PDB file of N, CA and C in Angstrom:
ATOM      1  N   MET A   1     -12.404  38.411   0.419  1.00  0.00           N
ATOM      2  CA  MET A   1     -11.173  37.686   0.570  1.00  0.00           C
ATOM      3  C   MET A   1     -11.574  36.258   1.389  1.00  0.00           C
ATOM      4  N   LYS A   2     -12.399  36.437   2.313  1.00  0.00           N
ATOM      5  CA  LYS A   2     -12.765  35.130   3.172  1.00  0.00           C
ATOM      6  C   LYS A   2     -13.717  34.146   2.248  1.00  0.00           C
ATOM      7  N   LEU A   3     -14.511  35.018   1.425  1.00  0.00           N
ATOM      8  CA  LEU A   3     -15.250  34.030   0.670  1.00  0.00           C
ATOM      9  C   LEU A   3     -14.745  33.471  -0.487  1.00  0.00           C
ATOM     10  N   LYS A   4     -13.444  33.997  -1.015  1.00  0.00           N
ATOM     11  CA  LYS A   4     -12.824  33.295  -1.976  1.00  0.00           C
ATOM     12  C   LYS A   4     -11.905  32.073  -1.243  1.00  0.00           C
ATOM     13  N   LEU A   5     -11.441  32.335  -0.064  1.00  0.00           N
ATOM     14  CA  LEU A   5     -10.740  31.350   0.671  1.00  0.00           C
ATOM     15  C   LEU A   5     -11.794  30.070   0.960  1.00  0.00           C
ATOM     16  N   LEU A   6     -12.994  30.370   1.336  1.00  0.00           N
ATOM     17  CA  LEU A   6     -14.021  29.386   1.582  1.00  0.00           C
ATOM     18  C   LEU A   6     -14.360  28.653   0.240  1.00  0.00           C
ATOM     19  N   LYS A   7     -14.530  29.281  -0.861  1.00  0.00           N
ATOM     20  CA  LYS A   7     -14.541  28.540  -2.043  1.00  0.00           C
ATOM     21  C   LYS A   7     -13.533  27.597  -2.391  1.00  0.00           C
ATOM     22  N   LYS A   8     -12.306  28.023  -2.083  1.00  0.00           N
ATOM     23  CA  LYS A   8     -11.154  27.200  -2.427  1.00  0.00           C
ATOM     24  C   LYS A   8     -11.240  25.881  -1.538  1.00  0.00           C
ATOM     25  N   ARG A   9     -11.485  26.233  -0.249  1.00  0.00           N
ATOM     26  CA  ARG A   9     -11.602  24.969   0.597  1.00  0.00           C
ATOM     27  C   ARG A   9     -12.688  24.097   0.297  1.00  0.00           C
ATOM     28  N   ILE A  10     -13.826  24.627  -0.205  1.00  0.00           N
ATOM     29  CA  ILE A  10     -14.831  23.611  -0.567  1.00  0.00           C
ATOM     30  C   ILE A  10     -14.516  22.868  -1.650  1.00  0.00           C
ATOM     31  N   GLY A  11     -13.835  23.652  -2.782  1.00  0.00           N
ATOM     32  CA  GLY A  11     -13.396  22.979  -3.848  1.00  0.00           C
ATOM     33  C   GLY A  11     -12.402  21.887  -3.699  1.00  0.00           C
ATOM     34  N   PHE A  12     -11.584  22.076  -2.639  1.00  0.00           N
ATOM     35  CA  PHE A  12     -10.496  21.155  -2.227  1.00  0.00           C
ATOM     36  C   PHE A  12     -11.178  20.090  -1.792  1.00  0.00           C
ATOM     37  N   VAL A  13     -12.182  20.156  -0.801  1.00  0.00           N
ATOM     38  CA  VAL A  13     -12.860  19.055  -0.182  1.00  0.00           C
ATOM     39  C   VAL A  13     -13.725  18.209  -1.227  1.00  0.00           C
ATOM     40  N   PHE A  14     -14.252  18.889  -2.163  1.00  0.00           N
ATOM     41  CA  PHE A  14     -15.099  18.183  -3.211  1.00  0.00           C
ATOM     42  C   PHE A  14     -14.171  17.497  -4.050  1.00  0.00           C
ATOM     43  N   VAL A  15     -13.087  17.978  -4.493  1.00  0.00           N
ATOM     44  CA  VAL A  15     -12.016  17.195  -5.313  1.00  0.00           C
ATOM     45  C   VAL A  15     -11.694  15.962  -4.447  1.00  0.00           C
ATOM     46  N   PHE A  16     -11.386  16.216  -3.237  1.00  0.00           N
ATOM     47  CA  PHE A  16     -10.769  14.979  -2.466  1.00  0.00           C
ATOM     48  C   PHE A  16     -11.792  13.934  -2.321  1.00  0.00           C
ATOM     49  N   VAL A  17     -13.148  14.239  -2.110  1.00  0.00           N
ATOM     50  CA  VAL A  17     -14.212  13.201  -1.970  1.00  0.00           C
ATOM     51  C   VAL A  17     -14.354  12.550  -3.396  1.00  0.00           C
ATOM     52  N   CYS A  18     -14.320  13.281  -4.291  1.00  0.00           N
ATOM     53  CA  CYS A  18     -14.456  12.767  -5.662  1.00  0.00           C
ATOM     54  C   CYS A  18     -13.354  11.606  -5.936  1.00  0.00           C
ATOM     55  N   ILE A  19     -12.091  11.961  -5.672  1.00  0.00           N
ATOM     56  CA  ILE A  19     -11.047  11.281  -5.850  1.00  0.00           C
ATOM     57  C   ILE A  19     -11.143   9.972  -4.888  1.00  0.00           C
ATOM     58  N   SER A  20     -11.627  10.064  -3.655  1.00  0.00           N
ATOM     59  CA  SER A  20     -11.727   9.066  -2.920  1.00  0.00           C
ATOM     60  C   SER A  20     -12.823   8.065  -3.358  1.00  0.00           C
ATOM     61  N   ILE A  21     -13.812   8.515  -3.843  1.00  0.00           N
ATOM     62  CA  ILE A  21     -14.932   7.663  -4.412  1.00  0.00           C
ATOM     63  C   ILE A  21     -14.422   6.772  -5.573  1.00  0.00           C
ATOM     64  N   LEU A  22     -13.807   7.576  -6.508  1.00  0.00           N
ATOM     65  CA  LEU A  22     -13.311   6.977  -7.624  1.00  0.00           C
ATOM     66  C   LEU A  22     -12.187   5.941  -7.244  1.00  0.00           C
ATOM     67  N   THR A  23     -11.428   6.215  -6.263  1.00  0.00           N
ATOM     68  CA  THR A  23     -10.395   5.177  -5.989  1.00  0.00           C
ATOM     69  C   THR A  23     -11.101   3.906  -5.249  1.00  0.00           C
ATOM     70  N   TYR A  24     -12.043   4.009  -4.472  1.00  0.00           N
ATOM     71  CA  TYR A  24     -12.832   2.895  -3.983  1.00  0.00           C
ATOM     72  C   TYR A  24     -13.588   2.073  -5.121  1.00  0.00           C
ATOM     73  N   GLY A  25     -14.079   2.666  -5.916  1.00  0.00           N
ATOM     74  CA  GLY A  25     -14.756   2.004  -7.143  1.00  0.00           C
ATOM     75  C   GLY A  25     -13.710   1.332  -7.945  1.00  0.00           C
ATOM     76  N   ILE A  26     -12.524   1.921  -8.307  1.00  0.00           N
ATOM     77  CA  ILE A  26     -11.568   0.931  -8.984  1.00  0.00           C
ATOM     78  C   ILE A  26     -11.068  -0.104  -8.126  1.00  0.00           C
ATOM     79  N   ILE A  27     -10.781   0.091  -6.942  1.00  0.00           N
ATOM     80  CA  ILE A  27     -10.343  -1.014  -6.023  1.00  0.00           C
ATOM     81  C   ILE A  27     -11.506  -2.233  -5.974  1.00  0.00           C
ATOM     82  N   GLY A  28     -12.880  -1.813  -6.035  1.00  0.00           N
ATOM     83  CA  GLY A  28     -13.871  -2.784  -5.978  1.00  0.00           C
ATOM     84  C   GLY A  28     -13.928  -3.571  -7.320  1.00  0.00           C
ATOM     85  N   ILE A  29     -13.569  -2.995  -8.402  1.00  0.00           N
ATOM     86  CA  ILE A  29     -13.679  -3.582  -9.760  1.00  0.00           C
ATOM     87  C   ILE A  29     -12.551  -4.554  -9.760  1.00  0.00           C
ATOM     88  N   VAL A  30     -11.450  -4.139  -9.291  1.00  0.00           N
ATOM     89  CA  VAL A  30     -10.195  -4.919  -9.412  1.00  0.00           C
ATOM     90  C   VAL A  30     -10.368  -6.209  -8.511  1.00  0.00           C
ATOM     91  N   ASN A  31     -10.898  -5.965  -7.424  1.00  0.00           N
ATOM     92  CA  ASN A  31     -11.101  -7.122  -6.346  1.00  0.00           C
ATOM     93  C   ASN A  31     -12.188  -7.937  -6.832  1.00  0.00           C
ATOM     94  N   LYS A  32     -13.192  -7.580  -7.634  1.00  0.00           N
ATOM     95  CA  LYS A  32     -14.255  -8.293  -7.954  1.00  0.00           C
ATOM     96  C   LYS A  32     -13.714  -9.590  -8.803  1.00  0.00           C
ATOM     97  N   ASN A  33     -12.615  -9.194  -9.604  1.00  0.00           N
ATOM     98  CA  ASN A  33     -12.153 -10.445 -10.301  1.00  0.00           C
ATOM     99  C   ASN A  33     -11.437 -11.599  -9.592  1.00  0.00           C
ATOM    100  N   ASN A  34     -11.169 -11.182  -8.314  1.00  0.00           N
ATOM    101  CA  ASN A  34     -10.241 -12.196  -7.348  1.00  0.00           C
ATOM    102  C   ASN A  34     -11.228 -13.145  -7.031  1.00  0.00           C
ATOM    103  N   LYS A  35     -11.100 -14.498  -7.192  1.00  0.00           N
ATOM    104  CA  LYS A  35     -11.793 -15.553  -6.948  1.00  0.00           C
ATOM    105  C   LYS A  35     -11.270 -16.431  -5.807  1.00  0.00           C
ATOM    106  N   SER A  36     -10.396 -15.810  -5.074  1.00  0.00           N
ATOM    107  CA  SER A  36      -9.832 -16.755  -3.866  1.00  0.00           C
ATOM    108  C   SER A  36     -10.743 -16.951  -2.761  1.00  0.00           C
ATOM    109  N   LEU A  37     -10.477 -18.003  -2.075  1.00  0.00           N
ATOM    110  CA  LEU A  37     -11.295 -18.503  -1.050  1.00  0.00           C
ATOM    111  C   LEU A  37     -10.544 -18.517   0.231  1.00  0.00           C
ATOM    112  N   SER A  38     -10.989 -17.839   1.379  1.00  0.00           N
ATOM    113  CA  SER A  38     -10.095 -17.812   2.599  1.00  0.00           C
ATOM    114  C   SER A  38     -10.605 -19.020   3.383  1.00  0.00           C
ATOM    115  N   VAL A  39      -9.649 -19.929   3.703  1.00  0.00           N
ATOM    116  CA  VAL A  39     -10.081 -21.236   4.438  1.00  0.00           C
ATOM    117  C   VAL A  39      -9.022 -21.146   5.772  1.00  0.00           C
ATOM    118  N   ASN A  40      -9.402 -21.728   6.770  1.00  0.00           N
ATOM    119  CA  ASN A  40      -8.741 -22.072   7.926  1.00  0.00           C
ATOM    120  C   ASN A  40      -8.441 -23.436   8.123  1.00  0.00           C
ATOM    121  N   ALA A  41      -7.392 -24.008   7.514  1.00  0.00           N
ATOM    122  CA  ALA A  41      -7.123 -25.560   7.539  1.00  0.00           C
ATOM    123  C   ALA A  41      -5.907 -25.848   8.200  1.00  0.00           C
ATOM    124  N   THR A  42      -5.596 -25.068   9.257  1.00  0.00           N
ATOM    125  CA  THR A  42      -4.234 -25.230   9.821  1.00  0.00           C
ATOM    126  C   THR A  42      -4.554 -26.140  11.025  1.00  0.00           C
ATOM    127  N   PRO A  43      -3.258 -26.780  11.617  1.00  0.00           N
ATOM    128  CA  PRO A  43      -3.620 -27.566  12.729  1.00  0.00           C
ATOM    129  C   PRO A  43      -3.772 -26.800  14.035  1.00  0.00           C
ATOM    130  N   ILE A  44      -3.519 -25.532  14.002  1.00  0.00           N
ATOM    131  CA  ILE A  44      -3.660 -24.763  15.306  1.00  0.00           C
ATOM    132  C   ILE A  44      -4.941 -23.970  15.211  1.00  0.00           C
ATOM    133  N   ALA A  45      -6.073 -24.421  14.781  1.00  0.00           N
ATOM    134  CA  ALA A  45      -7.262 -23.950  14.551  1.00  0.00           C
ATOM    135  C   ALA A  45      -7.820 -23.965  16.024  1.00  0.00           C
ATOM    136  N   ASN A  46      -8.560 -23.017  16.434  1.00  0.00           N
ATOM    137  CA  ASN A  46      -9.213 -22.896  17.758  1.00  0.00           C
ATOM    138  C   ASN A  46      -8.187 -22.921  18.910  1.00  0.00           C
ATOM    139  N   LYS A  47      -7.048 -22.420  18.742  1.00  0.00           N
ATOM    140  CA  LYS A  47      -5.939 -22.221  19.652  1.00  0.00           C
ATOM    141  C   LYS A  47      -5.465 -20.753  19.850  1.00  0.00           C
ATOM    142  N   THR A  48      -4.978 -20.535  21.078  1.00  0.00           N
ATOM    143  CA  THR A  48      -4.412 -19.224  21.225  1.00  0.00           C
ATOM    144  C   THR A  48      -2.989 -19.075  20.924  1.00  0.00           C
ATOM    145  N   ILE A  49      -2.643 -18.247  20.391  1.00  0.00           N
ATOM    146  CA  ILE A  49      -1.067 -17.905  19.949  1.00  0.00           C
ATOM    147  C   ILE A  49      -0.544 -16.738  20.962  1.00  0.00           C
ATOM    148  N   VAL A  50       0.512 -16.867  21.711  1.00  0.00           N
ATOM    149  CA  VAL A  50       0.938 -15.927  22.492  1.00  0.00           C
ATOM    150  C   VAL A  50       2.366 -15.439  21.951  1.00  0.00           C
ATOM    151  N   ILE A  51       2.405 -14.183  21.639  1.00  0.00           N
ATOM    152  CA  ILE A  51       3.666 -13.917  21.160  1.00  0.00           C
ATOM    153  C   ILE A  51       4.497 -12.989  21.954  1.00  0.00           C
ATOM    154  N   ASP A  52       5.547 -13.355  22.598  1.00  0.00           N
ATOM    155  CA  ASP A  52       6.394 -12.805  23.516  1.00  0.00           C
ATOM    156  C   ASP A  52       7.517 -11.800  22.977  1.00  0.00           C
ATOM    157  N   ALA A  53       7.699 -10.697  23.144  1.00  0.00           N
ATOM    158  CA  ALA A  53       8.864  -9.766  22.693  1.00  0.00           C
ATOM    159  C   ALA A  53       9.752  -9.672  23.846  1.00  0.00           C
ATOM    160  N   GLY A  54      10.429 -10.798  24.422  1.00  0.00           N
ATOM    161  CA  GLY A  54      11.231 -10.891  25.411  1.00  0.00           C
ATOM    162  C   GLY A  54      12.620 -10.302  25.014  1.00  0.00           C
ATOM    163  N   HIS A  55      13.085 -10.190  23.762  1.00  0.00           N
ATOM    164  CA  HIS A  55      14.149  -9.813  23.195  1.00  0.00           C
ATOM    165  C   HIS A  55      15.534 -10.501  23.827  1.00  0.00           C
ATOM    166  N   GLY A  56      15.257 -11.834  24.226  1.00  0.00           N
ATOM    167  CA  GLY A  56      16.286 -12.574  24.441  1.00  0.00           C
ATOM    168  C   GLY A  56      16.979 -12.619  25.811  1.00  0.00           C
ATOM    169  N   LYS A  57      16.466 -11.687  26.552  1.00  0.00           N
ATOM    170  CA  LYS A  57      17.100 -11.618  27.980  1.00  0.00           C
ATOM    171  C   LYS A  57      15.808 -11.287  29.091  1.00  0.00           C
ATOM    172  N   PRO A  58      16.126 -11.608  30.283  1.00  0.00           N
ATOM    173  CA  PRO A  58      15.131 -11.409  31.145  1.00  0.00           C
ATOM    174  C   PRO A  58      14.956 -10.008  31.561  1.00  0.00           C
ATOM    175  N   ASP A  59      13.802  -9.419  31.855  1.00  0.00           N
ATOM    176  CA  ASP A  59      13.777  -8.015  32.332  1.00  0.00           C
ATOM    177  C   ASP A  59      14.294  -7.860  33.817  1.00  0.00           C
ATOM    178  N   GLU A  60      14.198  -6.694  34.373  1.00  0.00           N
ATOM    179  CA  GLU A  60      14.750  -6.326  35.678  1.00  0.00           C
ATOM    180  C   GLU A  60      13.776  -6.970  36.808  1.00  0.00           C
ATOM    181  N   ARG A  61      12.698  -7.533  36.563  1.00  0.00           N
ATOM    182  CA  ARG A  61      11.723  -7.914  37.612  1.00  0.00           C
ATOM    183  C   ARG A  61      11.839  -9.453  37.514  1.00  0.00           C
ATOM    184  N   CYS A  62      12.487 -10.142  36.531  1.00  0.00           N
ATOM    185  CA  CYS A  62      12.737 -11.517  36.650  1.00  0.00           C
ATOM    186  C   CYS A  62      13.952 -11.873  37.580  1.00  0.00           C
ATOM    187  N   HIS A  63      13.605 -12.656  38.822  1.00  0.00           N
ATOM    188  CA  HIS A  63      14.614 -13.094  39.452  1.00  0.00           C
ATOM    189  C   HIS A  63      14.736 -14.616  39.622  1.00  0.00           C
ATOM    190  N   TRP A  64      13.923 -15.214  38.694  1.00  0.00           N
ATOM    191  CA  TRP A  64      13.830 -16.537  38.697  1.00  0.00           C
ATOM    192  C   TRP A  64      15.213 -17.220  38.333  1.00  0.00           C
ATOM    193  N   ILE A  65      15.875 -16.621  37.207  1.00  0.00           N
ATOM    194  CA  ILE A  65      17.275 -17.080  36.616  1.00  0.00           C
ATOM    195  C   ILE A  65      18.384 -16.954  37.960  1.00  0.00           C
ATOM    196  N   LEU A  66      18.178 -15.940  38.746  1.00  0.00           N
ATOM    197  CA  LEU A  66      19.286 -15.764  39.753  1.00  0.00           C
ATOM    198  C   LEU A  66      19.126 -16.638  40.963  1.00  0.00           C
ATOM    199  N   TRP A  67      17.841 -17.043  41.208  1.00  0.00           N
ATOM    200  CA  TRP A  67      17.540 -18.084  42.344  1.00  0.00           C
ATOM    201  C   TRP A  67      17.992 -19.494  41.764  1.00  0.00           C
ATOM    202  N   ASN A  68      17.971 -19.946  40.500  1.00  0.00           N
ATOM    203  CA  ASN A  68      18.342 -21.277  40.074  1.00  0.00           C
ATOM    204  C   ASN A  68      19.653 -21.440  39.730  1.00  0.00           C
ATOM    205  N   GLU A  69      20.607 -20.316  39.922  1.00  0.00           N
ATOM    206  CA  GLU A  69      22.080 -20.714  39.617  1.00  0.00           C
ATOM    207  C   GLU A  69      22.841 -21.530  40.644  1.00  0.00           C
TER     208      GLU A  69
END
């Protein structure tokens, strides 16, 4: 019983590895025909961009707005 289960697991892993290798190969062939060139020609080159998720209102720690009213 355990040997049969072990054979099923090994078979499943083997099929999964074969499918993964096949998928990787197909993606490689498809991307080989892509002749795009990545270029960084933006005016913000060598700058740091900070993204703030403030959600439009100050949090509980911010008392600066209350002081300036």
